[in-house]
N, C-alpha and C. Protein backbone atom coordinates (compact mmCIF):
# COMPACT_ATOMS: atom_id res chain seq x y z
N MET A 1 115.68 95.24 147.86
CA MET A 1 115.03 96.59 147.81
C MET A 1 115.66 97.43 146.69
N LEU A 2 116.98 97.34 146.57
CA LEU A 2 117.68 98.03 145.56
C LEU A 2 117.24 97.59 144.15
N ARG A 3 117.12 96.29 144.00
CA ARG A 3 116.68 95.78 142.69
C ARG A 3 115.25 96.26 142.37
N GLU A 4 114.33 96.29 143.39
CA GLU A 4 113.01 96.78 143.16
C GLU A 4 113.02 98.22 142.70
N ILE A 5 113.83 99.08 143.34
CA ILE A 5 113.87 100.49 142.99
C ILE A 5 114.43 100.62 141.54
N ASP A 6 115.46 99.88 141.24
CA ASP A 6 116.00 99.93 139.89
C ASP A 6 114.96 99.54 138.87
N PHE A 7 114.22 98.52 139.16
CA PHE A 7 113.19 98.03 138.23
C PHE A 7 112.14 99.14 138.00
N LEU A 8 111.67 99.77 139.12
CA LEU A 8 110.68 100.82 139.00
C LEU A 8 111.20 102.06 138.25
N ASP A 9 112.44 102.36 138.48
CA ASP A 9 113.06 103.47 137.75
C ASP A 9 113.14 103.20 136.24
N LEU A 10 113.51 101.97 135.92
CA LEU A 10 113.58 101.61 134.50
C LEU A 10 112.21 101.61 133.88
N LEU A 11 111.22 101.12 134.61
CA LEU A 11 109.82 101.10 134.08
C LEU A 11 109.36 102.53 133.83
N THR A 12 109.68 103.47 134.77
CA THR A 12 109.27 104.86 134.60
C THR A 12 109.89 105.48 133.38
N ILE A 13 111.22 105.21 133.19
CA ILE A 13 111.92 105.74 132.03
C ILE A 13 111.30 105.23 130.75
N TRP A 14 111.02 103.92 130.75
CA TRP A 14 110.46 103.29 129.54
C TRP A 14 109.09 103.90 129.18
N LEU A 15 108.25 104.10 130.22
CA LEU A 15 106.91 104.69 130.02
C LEU A 15 106.98 106.13 129.53
N ASN A 16 107.97 106.89 130.04
CA ASN A 16 108.14 108.27 129.60
C ASN A 16 108.63 108.27 128.12
N CYS A 17 109.43 107.34 127.78
CA CYS A 17 109.88 107.27 126.35
C CYS A 17 108.74 106.93 125.41
N MET A 18 107.89 106.03 125.91
CA MET A 18 106.73 105.64 125.10
C MET A 18 105.80 106.84 124.84
N VAL A 19 105.56 107.61 125.91
CA VAL A 19 104.70 108.80 125.77
C VAL A 19 105.36 109.83 124.83
N LYS A 20 106.64 109.98 124.96
CA LYS A 20 107.35 110.92 124.12
C LYS A 20 107.29 110.50 122.66
N ASP A 21 107.49 109.21 122.40
CA ASP A 21 107.40 108.69 121.01
C ASP A 21 106.04 108.91 120.39
N LYS A 22 104.98 108.71 121.23
CA LYS A 22 103.65 108.92 120.70
C LYS A 22 103.39 110.39 120.39
N LYS A 23 103.90 111.29 121.22
CA LYS A 23 103.77 112.72 120.97
C LYS A 23 104.53 113.09 119.69
N ASN A 24 105.73 112.55 119.52
CA ASN A 24 106.47 112.87 118.37
C ASN A 24 105.79 112.36 117.09
N GLN A 25 105.27 111.16 117.22
CA GLN A 25 104.55 110.54 116.07
C GLN A 25 103.32 111.37 115.70
N GLY A 26 102.63 111.87 116.75
CA GLY A 26 101.46 112.71 116.50
C GLY A 26 101.85 114.01 115.80
N ALA A 27 102.93 114.62 116.21
CA ALA A 27 103.41 115.85 115.60
C ALA A 27 103.79 115.62 114.11
N GLY A 28 104.44 114.48 113.88
CA GLY A 28 104.85 114.18 112.53
C GLY A 28 103.67 113.97 111.60
N GLU A 29 102.66 113.31 112.11
CA GLU A 29 101.43 113.11 111.30
C GLU A 29 100.69 114.41 111.05
N LYS A 30 100.69 115.29 112.03
CA LYS A 30 100.05 116.61 111.86
C LYS A 30 100.79 117.43 110.81
N ILE A 31 102.10 117.36 110.82
CA ILE A 31 102.92 118.10 109.85
C ILE A 31 102.65 117.63 108.44
N LEU A 32 102.64 116.34 108.25
CA LEU A 32 102.41 115.79 106.89
C LEU A 32 101.00 116.10 106.40
N SER A 33 100.02 116.02 107.31
CA SER A 33 98.64 116.35 106.90
C SER A 33 98.48 117.83 106.54
N ALA A 34 99.08 118.68 107.36
CA ALA A 34 99.05 120.10 107.12
C ALA A 34 99.77 120.46 105.82
N ALA A 35 100.98 119.89 105.62
CA ALA A 35 101.74 120.18 104.41
C ALA A 35 101.02 119.73 103.17
N ARG A 36 100.38 118.58 103.21
CA ARG A 36 99.65 118.08 102.05
C ARG A 36 98.52 119.07 101.64
N LYS A 37 97.88 119.61 102.67
CA LYS A 37 96.79 120.55 102.42
C LYS A 37 97.33 121.86 101.84
N ILE A 38 98.41 122.39 102.43
CA ILE A 38 99.01 123.66 101.93
C ILE A 38 99.56 123.49 100.53
N PHE A 39 100.31 122.37 100.27
CA PHE A 39 100.86 122.19 98.95
C PHE A 39 99.79 122.03 97.89
N THR A 40 98.71 121.32 98.27
CA THR A 40 97.63 121.10 97.30
C THR A 40 96.95 122.38 96.93
N THR A 41 96.76 123.29 97.91
CA THR A 41 96.06 124.54 97.64
C THR A 41 96.98 125.69 97.10
N LYS A 42 98.23 125.68 97.51
CA LYS A 42 99.14 126.77 97.14
C LYS A 42 100.28 126.36 96.18
N GLY A 43 100.50 125.10 96.08
CA GLY A 43 101.56 124.62 95.23
C GLY A 43 102.94 124.75 95.93
N MET A 44 103.95 124.26 95.30
CA MET A 44 105.30 124.29 95.89
C MET A 44 105.82 125.70 96.04
N ALA A 45 105.60 126.49 95.02
CA ALA A 45 106.16 127.88 95.06
C ALA A 45 105.42 128.76 96.04
N GLY A 46 104.10 128.59 96.16
CA GLY A 46 103.29 129.46 97.05
C GLY A 46 103.28 129.09 98.48
N ALA A 47 103.69 127.87 98.80
CA ALA A 47 103.67 127.37 100.15
C ALA A 47 104.80 127.97 100.96
N ARG A 48 104.52 128.27 102.22
CA ARG A 48 105.59 128.74 103.13
C ARG A 48 105.61 127.85 104.37
N MET A 49 106.79 127.68 104.93
CA MET A 49 106.90 126.86 106.11
C MET A 49 106.04 127.36 107.22
N GLN A 50 105.88 128.65 107.34
CA GLN A 50 105.07 129.21 108.38
C GLN A 50 103.56 128.87 108.19
N ASP A 51 103.14 128.79 106.91
CA ASP A 51 101.77 128.36 106.63
C ASP A 51 101.57 126.94 107.10
N ILE A 52 102.53 126.07 106.86
CA ILE A 52 102.43 124.69 107.27
C ILE A 52 102.41 124.57 108.79
N ALA A 53 103.28 125.32 109.46
CA ALA A 53 103.36 125.30 110.91
C ALA A 53 102.03 125.75 111.50
N ASN A 54 101.47 126.82 110.94
CA ASN A 54 100.18 127.32 111.42
C ASN A 54 99.08 126.30 111.22
N GLU A 55 99.03 125.66 110.07
CA GLU A 55 98.01 124.69 109.76
C GLU A 55 98.17 123.44 110.71
N ALA A 56 99.39 123.10 111.06
CA ALA A 56 99.61 121.95 111.96
C ALA A 56 99.43 122.30 113.41
N GLY A 57 99.34 123.61 113.71
CA GLY A 57 99.20 124.05 115.11
C GLY A 57 100.48 123.92 115.93
N ILE A 58 101.58 124.07 115.30
CA ILE A 58 102.89 123.94 116.01
C ILE A 58 103.71 125.19 115.64
N ASN A 59 104.85 125.40 116.37
CA ASN A 59 105.72 126.48 116.04
C ASN A 59 106.67 126.09 114.92
N LYS A 60 107.24 127.09 114.27
CA LYS A 60 108.07 126.91 113.08
C LYS A 60 109.33 126.17 113.47
N ALA A 61 109.86 126.37 114.69
CA ALA A 61 111.07 125.67 115.15
C ALA A 61 110.88 124.17 115.15
N LEU A 62 109.73 123.77 115.62
CA LEU A 62 109.45 122.32 115.69
C LEU A 62 109.30 121.75 114.25
N LEU A 63 108.69 122.54 113.36
CA LEU A 63 108.55 122.10 112.00
C LEU A 63 109.95 121.88 111.35
N HIS A 64 110.88 122.83 111.64
CA HIS A 64 112.24 122.69 111.07
C HIS A 64 113.01 121.56 111.74
N TYR A 65 112.62 121.18 112.94
CA TYR A 65 113.27 120.03 113.61
C TYR A 65 112.96 118.77 112.83
N TYR A 66 111.75 118.67 112.31
CA TYR A 66 111.37 117.52 111.50
C TYR A 66 111.83 117.57 110.06
N TYR A 67 111.68 118.76 109.47
CA TYR A 67 112.01 118.95 108.04
C TYR A 67 112.76 120.26 107.91
N ARG A 68 113.94 120.19 107.34
CA ARG A 68 114.81 121.38 107.31
C ARG A 68 114.31 122.41 106.31
N ASP A 69 113.59 121.97 105.27
CA ASP A 69 113.06 122.94 104.29
C ASP A 69 111.82 122.37 103.60
N LYS A 70 111.12 123.20 102.88
CA LYS A 70 109.87 122.77 102.32
C LYS A 70 110.08 121.80 101.11
N GLU A 71 111.28 121.86 100.47
CA GLU A 71 111.56 120.96 99.41
C GLU A 71 111.62 119.53 99.89
N LYS A 72 112.22 119.34 101.05
CA LYS A 72 112.31 117.99 101.63
C LYS A 72 110.91 117.51 102.04
N LEU A 73 110.11 118.36 102.60
CA LEU A 73 108.73 118.05 103.00
C LEU A 73 107.89 117.70 101.76
N PHE A 74 108.04 118.52 100.70
CA PHE A 74 107.32 118.26 99.44
C PHE A 74 107.71 116.88 98.88
N GLU A 75 108.96 116.56 98.93
CA GLU A 75 109.44 115.26 98.41
C GLU A 75 108.87 114.11 99.23
N THR A 76 108.86 114.29 100.58
CA THR A 76 108.37 113.24 101.46
C THR A 76 106.94 112.92 101.15
N ILE A 77 106.09 113.94 100.95
CA ILE A 77 104.66 113.76 100.72
C ILE A 77 104.38 113.12 99.39
N PHE A 78 104.94 113.66 98.32
CA PHE A 78 104.59 113.24 97.00
C PHE A 78 105.31 111.96 96.58
N LEU A 79 106.45 111.68 97.19
CA LEU A 79 107.13 110.36 96.98
C LEU A 79 106.27 109.27 97.57
N GLU A 80 105.70 109.58 98.75
CA GLU A 80 104.77 108.58 99.38
C GLU A 80 103.51 108.33 98.52
N GLU A 81 103.00 109.44 97.94
CA GLU A 81 101.82 109.27 97.05
C GLU A 81 102.20 108.46 95.81
N ALA A 82 103.37 108.78 95.24
CA ALA A 82 103.80 108.10 94.02
C ALA A 82 104.01 106.60 94.31
N GLN A 83 104.56 106.29 95.47
CA GLN A 83 104.76 104.87 95.83
C GLN A 83 103.50 104.09 96.00
N LYS A 84 102.41 104.78 96.37
CA LYS A 84 101.12 104.15 96.47
C LYS A 84 100.43 104.06 95.15
N PHE A 85 100.64 105.11 94.30
CA PHE A 85 99.83 105.20 93.08
C PHE A 85 100.35 104.32 91.91
N PHE A 86 101.64 104.41 91.62
CA PHE A 86 102.17 103.74 90.43
C PHE A 86 102.01 102.24 90.45
N PRO A 87 102.14 101.57 91.60
CA PRO A 87 101.86 100.16 91.62
C PRO A 87 100.42 99.80 91.26
N LYS A 88 99.50 100.70 91.49
CA LYS A 88 98.12 100.50 91.07
C LYS A 88 98.01 100.45 89.56
N ILE A 89 98.72 101.35 88.88
CA ILE A 89 98.76 101.37 87.44
C ILE A 89 99.39 100.10 86.94
N ASN A 90 100.45 99.68 87.56
CA ASN A 90 101.18 98.43 87.18
C ASN A 90 100.17 97.28 87.26
N ALA A 91 99.36 97.26 88.34
CA ALA A 91 98.40 96.16 88.54
C ALA A 91 97.38 96.12 87.46
N ILE A 92 96.98 97.30 86.94
CA ILE A 92 96.03 97.36 85.83
C ILE A 92 96.65 96.76 84.59
N PHE A 93 97.87 97.14 84.30
CA PHE A 93 98.57 96.62 83.08
C PHE A 93 98.78 95.11 83.19
N GLN A 94 99.00 94.62 84.40
CA GLN A 94 99.32 93.20 84.62
C GLN A 94 98.07 92.34 84.73
N SER A 95 96.90 92.97 84.85
CA SER A 95 95.73 92.16 85.10
C SER A 95 95.31 91.40 83.85
N ASP A 96 94.30 90.51 84.00
CA ASP A 96 93.75 89.72 82.93
C ASP A 96 92.48 90.40 82.31
N ASP A 97 92.24 91.64 82.65
CA ASP A 97 91.08 92.33 82.14
C ASP A 97 91.17 92.49 80.60
N PRO A 98 90.02 92.58 79.90
CA PRO A 98 90.04 92.87 78.48
C PRO A 98 90.71 94.24 78.19
N LEU A 99 91.25 94.41 77.01
CA LEU A 99 91.99 95.63 76.66
C LEU A 99 91.14 96.92 76.92
N PHE A 100 89.95 96.93 76.38
CA PHE A 100 89.16 98.13 76.53
C PHE A 100 88.87 98.48 77.99
N LEU A 101 88.65 97.46 78.79
CA LEU A 101 88.41 97.70 80.25
C LEU A 101 89.68 98.26 80.92
N LYS A 102 90.84 97.77 80.51
CA LYS A 102 92.10 98.29 81.02
C LYS A 102 92.26 99.77 80.73
N ILE A 103 91.93 100.16 79.52
CA ILE A 103 92.00 101.55 79.10
C ILE A 103 91.11 102.40 79.99
N GLU A 104 89.87 101.94 80.20
CA GLU A 104 88.90 102.67 81.06
C GLU A 104 89.45 102.74 82.50
N LYS A 105 89.92 101.66 83.05
CA LYS A 105 90.41 101.66 84.42
C LYS A 105 91.64 102.59 84.58
N PHE A 106 92.55 102.53 83.60
CA PHE A 106 93.73 103.36 83.68
C PHE A 106 93.34 104.84 83.78
N VAL A 107 92.47 105.29 82.88
CA VAL A 107 92.11 106.70 82.90
C VAL A 107 91.36 107.05 84.15
N ASP A 108 90.49 106.22 84.62
CA ASP A 108 89.74 106.49 85.83
C ASP A 108 90.66 106.62 87.04
N GLU A 109 91.58 105.69 87.14
CA GLU A 109 92.51 105.69 88.30
C GLU A 109 93.45 106.90 88.25
N TYR A 110 93.96 107.16 87.07
CA TYR A 110 94.91 108.27 86.94
C TYR A 110 94.25 109.63 87.25
N ILE A 111 93.07 109.87 86.69
CA ILE A 111 92.41 111.14 86.91
C ILE A 111 92.02 111.31 88.37
N ASP A 112 91.53 110.28 89.01
CA ASP A 112 91.18 110.32 90.41
C ASP A 112 92.41 110.75 91.21
N GLU A 113 93.54 110.11 90.93
CA GLU A 113 94.77 110.43 91.70
C GLU A 113 95.23 111.88 91.46
N MET A 114 95.16 112.31 90.20
CA MET A 114 95.61 113.70 89.88
C MET A 114 94.70 114.75 90.49
N LEU A 115 93.40 114.45 90.57
CA LEU A 115 92.48 115.39 91.18
C LEU A 115 92.76 115.49 92.72
N GLU A 116 93.10 114.38 93.30
CA GLU A 116 93.39 114.36 94.73
C GLU A 116 94.78 114.96 95.03
N ASN A 117 95.72 114.74 94.14
CA ASN A 117 97.08 115.23 94.33
C ASN A 117 97.58 115.98 93.04
N PRO A 118 97.06 117.19 92.84
CA PRO A 118 97.30 117.90 91.57
C PRO A 118 98.75 118.22 91.27
N TYR A 119 99.63 118.22 92.32
CA TYR A 119 100.99 118.54 92.10
C TYR A 119 101.90 117.32 91.95
N LEU A 120 101.31 116.13 91.95
CA LEU A 120 102.07 114.93 91.75
C LEU A 120 102.75 114.88 90.39
N PRO A 121 102.06 115.30 89.26
CA PRO A 121 102.74 115.26 87.93
C PRO A 121 104.00 116.13 87.92
N TRP A 122 103.92 117.33 88.57
CA TRP A 122 105.12 118.16 88.57
C TRP A 122 106.25 117.60 89.37
N PHE A 123 105.88 116.95 90.49
CA PHE A 123 106.91 116.29 91.30
C PHE A 123 107.59 115.18 90.49
N VAL A 124 106.77 114.38 89.81
CA VAL A 124 107.34 113.29 88.99
C VAL A 124 108.26 113.82 87.91
N ILE A 125 107.80 114.83 87.19
CA ILE A 125 108.59 115.42 86.10
C ILE A 125 109.91 115.96 86.66
N ASN A 126 109.82 116.71 87.74
CA ASN A 126 111.08 117.29 88.34
C ASN A 126 112.06 116.20 88.74
N GLU A 127 111.52 115.17 89.36
CA GLU A 127 112.43 114.04 89.84
C GLU A 127 112.99 113.32 88.65
N LEU A 128 112.20 113.09 87.59
CA LEU A 128 112.71 112.34 86.44
C LEU A 128 113.78 113.16 85.73
N ASN A 129 113.62 114.50 85.64
CA ASN A 129 114.64 115.31 85.01
C ASN A 129 115.91 115.41 85.85
N ARG A 130 115.72 115.38 87.17
CA ARG A 130 116.93 115.50 88.05
C ARG A 130 117.74 114.23 88.07
N ASP A 131 117.06 113.11 88.29
CA ASP A 131 117.78 111.84 88.41
C ASP A 131 116.80 110.69 88.13
N PRO A 132 116.57 110.33 86.88
CA PRO A 132 115.56 109.33 86.54
C PRO A 132 115.80 107.97 87.17
N ASP A 133 117.05 107.50 87.19
CA ASP A 133 117.37 106.20 87.77
C ASP A 133 117.06 106.15 89.26
N GLN A 134 117.46 107.21 89.96
CA GLN A 134 117.22 107.23 91.41
C GLN A 134 115.72 107.34 91.72
N PHE A 135 115.01 108.08 90.92
CA PHE A 135 113.59 108.24 91.12
C PHE A 135 112.89 106.86 90.92
N MET A 136 113.26 106.13 89.85
CA MET A 136 112.64 104.84 89.59
C MET A 136 112.94 103.90 90.74
N TYR A 137 114.17 103.97 91.26
CA TYR A 137 114.53 103.11 92.39
C TYR A 137 113.69 103.39 93.62
N LYS A 138 113.46 104.75 93.89
CA LYS A 138 112.69 105.14 95.04
C LYS A 138 111.25 104.59 94.93
N ILE A 139 110.68 104.64 93.75
CA ILE A 139 109.32 104.24 93.57
C ILE A 139 109.18 102.71 93.53
N TRP A 140 110.03 102.04 92.74
CA TRP A 140 109.80 100.63 92.47
C TRP A 140 110.76 99.68 93.19
N GLY A 141 111.82 100.17 93.79
CA GLY A 141 112.85 99.31 94.35
C GLY A 141 113.76 98.78 93.26
N GLU A 142 114.63 97.93 93.65
CA GLU A 142 115.71 97.48 92.74
C GLU A 142 115.21 96.50 91.73
N HIS A 143 114.24 95.66 92.07
CA HIS A 143 113.84 94.59 91.16
C HIS A 143 112.35 94.65 90.74
N ASN A 144 111.65 95.67 91.09
CA ASN A 144 110.21 95.73 90.83
C ASN A 144 109.91 96.91 89.94
N LEU A 145 110.40 96.91 88.71
CA LEU A 145 110.23 98.01 87.80
C LEU A 145 108.84 97.93 87.12
N PRO A 146 108.36 99.02 86.46
CA PRO A 146 107.10 98.98 85.76
C PRO A 146 107.11 97.85 84.74
N LYS A 147 105.93 97.32 84.51
CA LYS A 147 105.81 96.16 83.59
C LYS A 147 104.63 96.35 82.61
N PRO A 148 104.82 97.23 81.61
CA PRO A 148 103.79 97.44 80.62
C PRO A 148 103.78 96.38 79.53
N GLY A 149 104.71 95.42 79.62
CA GLY A 149 104.86 94.43 78.56
C GLY A 149 103.60 93.65 78.26
N LYS A 150 102.86 93.25 79.29
CA LYS A 150 101.68 92.45 79.09
C LYS A 150 100.63 93.29 78.38
N PHE A 151 100.57 94.53 78.71
CA PHE A 151 99.59 95.47 78.01
C PHE A 151 99.94 95.63 76.59
N LEU A 152 101.22 95.79 76.28
CA LEU A 152 101.66 95.96 74.86
C LEU A 152 101.41 94.67 74.08
N ASP A 153 101.69 93.53 74.72
CA ASP A 153 101.43 92.21 74.04
C ASP A 153 99.96 92.03 73.75
N GLN A 154 99.15 92.50 74.71
CA GLN A 154 97.69 92.35 74.56
C GLN A 154 97.20 93.17 73.35
N ILE A 155 97.78 94.32 73.19
CA ILE A 155 97.41 95.14 72.00
C ILE A 155 97.76 94.38 70.71
N GLU A 156 98.93 93.82 70.67
CA GLU A 156 99.38 93.09 69.47
C GLU A 156 98.40 91.88 69.23
N LYS A 157 98.00 91.20 70.31
CA LYS A 157 97.11 90.09 70.19
C LYS A 157 95.79 90.50 69.62
N GLU A 158 95.23 91.65 70.12
CA GLU A 158 93.93 92.16 69.60
C GLU A 158 94.05 92.55 68.10
N ILE A 159 95.20 93.07 67.71
CA ILE A 159 95.39 93.42 66.30
C ILE A 159 95.37 92.11 65.43
N LYS A 160 96.08 91.11 65.90
CA LYS A 160 96.09 89.83 65.15
C LYS A 160 94.72 89.18 65.10
N ASN A 161 93.95 89.33 66.20
CA ASN A 161 92.58 88.75 66.23
C ASN A 161 91.60 89.56 65.41
N GLY A 162 92.02 90.70 64.92
CA GLY A 162 91.10 91.55 64.12
C GLY A 162 90.15 92.37 64.94
N THR A 163 90.38 92.46 66.26
CA THR A 163 89.49 93.23 67.12
C THR A 163 89.73 94.72 66.98
N ILE A 164 90.99 95.13 66.79
CA ILE A 164 91.33 96.55 66.67
C ILE A 164 92.18 96.77 65.41
N LYS A 165 92.28 98.00 65.03
CA LYS A 165 93.08 98.38 63.85
C LYS A 165 94.56 98.25 64.13
N ARG A 166 95.33 98.24 63.10
CA ARG A 166 96.79 98.15 63.23
C ARG A 166 97.30 99.47 63.80
N ILE A 167 97.99 99.38 64.92
CA ILE A 167 98.59 100.52 65.59
C ILE A 167 99.82 100.05 66.37
N ASN A 168 100.83 100.88 66.37
CA ASN A 168 102.02 100.58 67.16
C ASN A 168 101.63 100.57 68.68
N PRO A 169 101.85 99.47 69.39
CA PRO A 169 101.39 99.45 70.75
C PRO A 169 102.03 100.56 71.64
N VAL A 170 103.26 100.88 71.36
CA VAL A 170 103.91 101.95 72.11
C VAL A 170 103.21 103.30 71.92
N HIS A 171 102.82 103.55 70.67
CA HIS A 171 102.09 104.82 70.43
C HIS A 171 100.74 104.86 71.11
N LEU A 172 100.07 103.73 71.15
CA LEU A 172 98.78 103.65 71.88
C LEU A 172 99.02 103.92 73.37
N LEU A 173 100.06 103.38 73.97
CA LEU A 173 100.35 103.64 75.36
C LEU A 173 100.68 105.08 75.54
N MET A 174 101.47 105.68 74.70
CA MET A 174 101.83 107.10 74.81
C MET A 174 100.65 108.01 74.65
N ASN A 175 99.73 107.62 73.73
CA ASN A 175 98.47 108.39 73.59
C ASN A 175 97.66 108.37 74.85
N LEU A 176 97.56 107.21 75.43
CA LEU A 176 96.81 107.03 76.69
C LEU A 176 97.41 107.88 77.83
N LEU A 177 98.73 107.81 77.96
CA LEU A 177 99.40 108.60 78.97
C LEU A 177 99.28 110.13 78.79
N SER A 178 99.55 110.52 77.56
CA SER A 178 99.57 111.97 77.29
C SER A 178 98.20 112.59 77.39
N MET A 179 97.19 111.95 76.87
CA MET A 179 95.84 112.49 76.94
C MET A 179 95.31 112.59 78.35
N THR A 180 95.78 111.68 79.24
CA THR A 180 95.37 111.71 80.67
C THR A 180 96.13 112.70 81.46
N ILE A 181 97.46 112.77 81.28
CA ILE A 181 98.31 113.53 82.15
C ILE A 181 98.38 115.01 81.72
N PHE A 182 98.45 115.28 80.41
CA PHE A 182 98.70 116.67 79.96
C PHE A 182 97.82 117.70 80.55
N PRO A 183 96.48 117.53 80.67
CA PRO A 183 95.67 118.59 81.23
C PRO A 183 96.09 119.03 82.61
N PHE A 184 96.62 118.11 83.43
CA PHE A 184 97.03 118.45 84.77
C PHE A 184 98.34 119.19 84.77
N ILE A 185 99.23 118.87 83.85
CA ILE A 185 100.48 119.58 83.73
C ILE A 185 100.25 120.98 83.18
N ALA A 186 99.32 121.08 82.26
CA ALA A 186 99.00 122.41 81.59
C ALA A 186 97.87 123.13 82.27
N ARG A 187 97.53 122.72 83.51
CA ARG A 187 96.34 123.27 84.13
C ARG A 187 96.36 124.78 84.24
N PRO A 188 97.50 125.44 84.65
CA PRO A 188 97.51 126.91 84.73
C PRO A 188 97.17 127.57 83.43
N MET A 189 97.74 127.05 82.33
CA MET A 189 97.51 127.59 81.00
C MET A 189 96.07 127.39 80.58
N ILE A 190 95.54 126.17 80.81
CA ILE A 190 94.16 125.83 80.43
C ILE A 190 93.13 126.71 81.15
N THR A 191 93.27 126.75 82.45
CA THR A 191 92.28 127.51 83.30
C THR A 191 92.35 128.99 82.99
N ARG A 192 93.54 129.53 82.75
CA ARG A 192 93.67 130.97 82.51
C ARG A 192 93.13 131.32 81.12
N ASN A 193 93.54 130.60 80.09
CA ASN A 193 93.13 130.87 78.74
C ASN A 193 91.67 130.61 78.46
N LEU A 194 91.09 129.61 79.12
CA LEU A 194 89.69 129.27 78.91
C LEU A 194 88.81 129.86 79.98
N HIS A 195 89.38 130.65 80.92
CA HIS A 195 88.64 131.30 81.99
C HIS A 195 87.86 130.31 82.81
N MET A 196 88.53 129.22 83.20
CA MET A 196 87.88 128.12 83.97
C MET A 196 88.16 128.28 85.43
N THR A 197 87.16 128.16 86.26
CA THR A 197 87.36 128.09 87.66
C THR A 197 87.92 126.70 88.02
N ASP A 198 88.43 126.56 89.27
CA ASP A 198 88.97 125.26 89.66
C ASP A 198 87.83 124.18 89.65
N SER A 199 86.64 124.59 90.07
CA SER A 199 85.57 123.63 90.09
C SER A 199 85.17 123.19 88.67
N ARG A 200 85.20 124.12 87.73
CA ARG A 200 84.90 123.77 86.35
C ARG A 200 85.97 122.90 85.73
N PHE A 201 87.25 123.12 86.09
CA PHE A 201 88.32 122.28 85.62
C PHE A 201 88.13 120.86 86.13
N GLU A 202 87.80 120.74 87.37
CA GLU A 202 87.62 119.40 87.98
C GLU A 202 86.40 118.69 87.33
N GLU A 203 85.35 119.44 87.03
CA GLU A 203 84.24 118.88 86.31
C GLU A 203 84.65 118.34 84.95
N ALA A 204 85.50 119.14 84.28
CA ALA A 204 85.98 118.75 82.95
C ALA A 204 86.81 117.47 83.03
N MET A 205 87.61 117.34 84.10
CA MET A 205 88.40 116.14 84.27
C MET A 205 87.53 114.91 84.55
N GLU A 206 86.47 115.12 85.28
CA GLU A 206 85.55 114.02 85.52
C GLU A 206 84.91 113.61 84.20
N GLU A 207 84.60 114.53 83.33
CA GLU A 207 84.10 114.21 81.99
C GLU A 207 85.11 113.42 81.16
N ARG A 208 86.39 113.77 81.33
CA ARG A 208 87.41 113.11 80.57
C ARG A 208 87.56 111.62 80.93
N LYS A 209 87.08 111.22 82.12
CA LYS A 209 87.07 109.82 82.46
C LYS A 209 86.27 109.01 81.43
N ARG A 210 85.32 109.64 80.87
CA ARG A 210 84.47 108.98 79.81
C ARG A 210 84.94 109.28 78.42
N GLU A 211 85.39 110.54 78.21
CA GLU A 211 85.80 110.99 76.90
C GLU A 211 87.06 110.35 76.34
N ILE A 212 88.08 110.24 77.20
CA ILE A 212 89.37 109.70 76.76
C ILE A 212 89.21 108.22 76.33
N PRO A 213 88.67 107.34 77.19
CA PRO A 213 88.48 105.93 76.74
C PRO A 213 87.65 105.87 75.47
N LYS A 214 86.60 106.62 75.39
CA LYS A 214 85.74 106.60 74.21
C LYS A 214 86.48 107.01 72.96
N PHE A 215 87.24 108.06 73.06
CA PHE A 215 88.03 108.56 71.91
C PHE A 215 89.05 107.52 71.42
N ILE A 216 89.79 106.95 72.41
CA ILE A 216 90.84 105.97 72.05
C ILE A 216 90.18 104.69 71.52
N ILE A 217 89.24 104.17 72.21
CA ILE A 217 88.60 102.92 71.78
C ILE A 217 87.92 103.05 70.44
N ASP A 218 87.21 104.16 70.22
CA ASP A 218 86.58 104.40 68.90
C ASP A 218 87.62 104.51 67.81
N SER A 219 88.78 105.05 68.10
CA SER A 219 89.79 105.25 67.08
C SER A 219 90.46 103.96 66.66
N ILE A 220 90.41 102.89 67.52
CA ILE A 220 91.15 101.65 67.18
C ILE A 220 90.19 100.47 66.95
N ARG A 221 88.93 100.62 67.36
CA ARG A 221 88.00 99.55 67.18
C ARG A 221 87.68 99.32 65.69
N LYS A 222 87.60 98.02 65.31
CA LYS A 222 87.25 97.74 63.93
C LYS A 222 85.72 97.61 63.80
């Protein structure tokens, strides 16, 4: 009888723990979803912990139980996004696609990601300036670093085959990166000086999915 009671007590404790874990997991998911929305609309500087708590439907004390400050929450969200996004770019560079198709895919993938997570470029820049080695380790791990080598070799091969004009492969890569990323980094300046609404800026970025590859490919094609 004693053993039966002990077993039932243990089973009850285990079930209670399972319910508690599910509730905690649900609260954590709500917080991340709410924080992503607030950061995307208000940015790091404009977001408040109270805004995030309100959006998640929880009290501020519970939010601080999970995340002590908004900087840690911001890092959690955008580090997760970076870990999903950058390997996609690596896969494009490592693929067997033709050079021009890689350029088109890179621009399309990058702009889609930046439109969905407009503060990702700022997060990356801040982390790289603070501790580039640690940031690279967080994104790629110890042995899985970015591999643009195949892309650079492919450019050299196309030059030798007479398909494209002579250009330093590194400069072509930097042109591709800068033309795609800069508008998102300079977004406040661009939208203010050109009197662009957010919707018009996003339309312009959709247009750049076609304009950037065309500009680069036309400039190197023989």
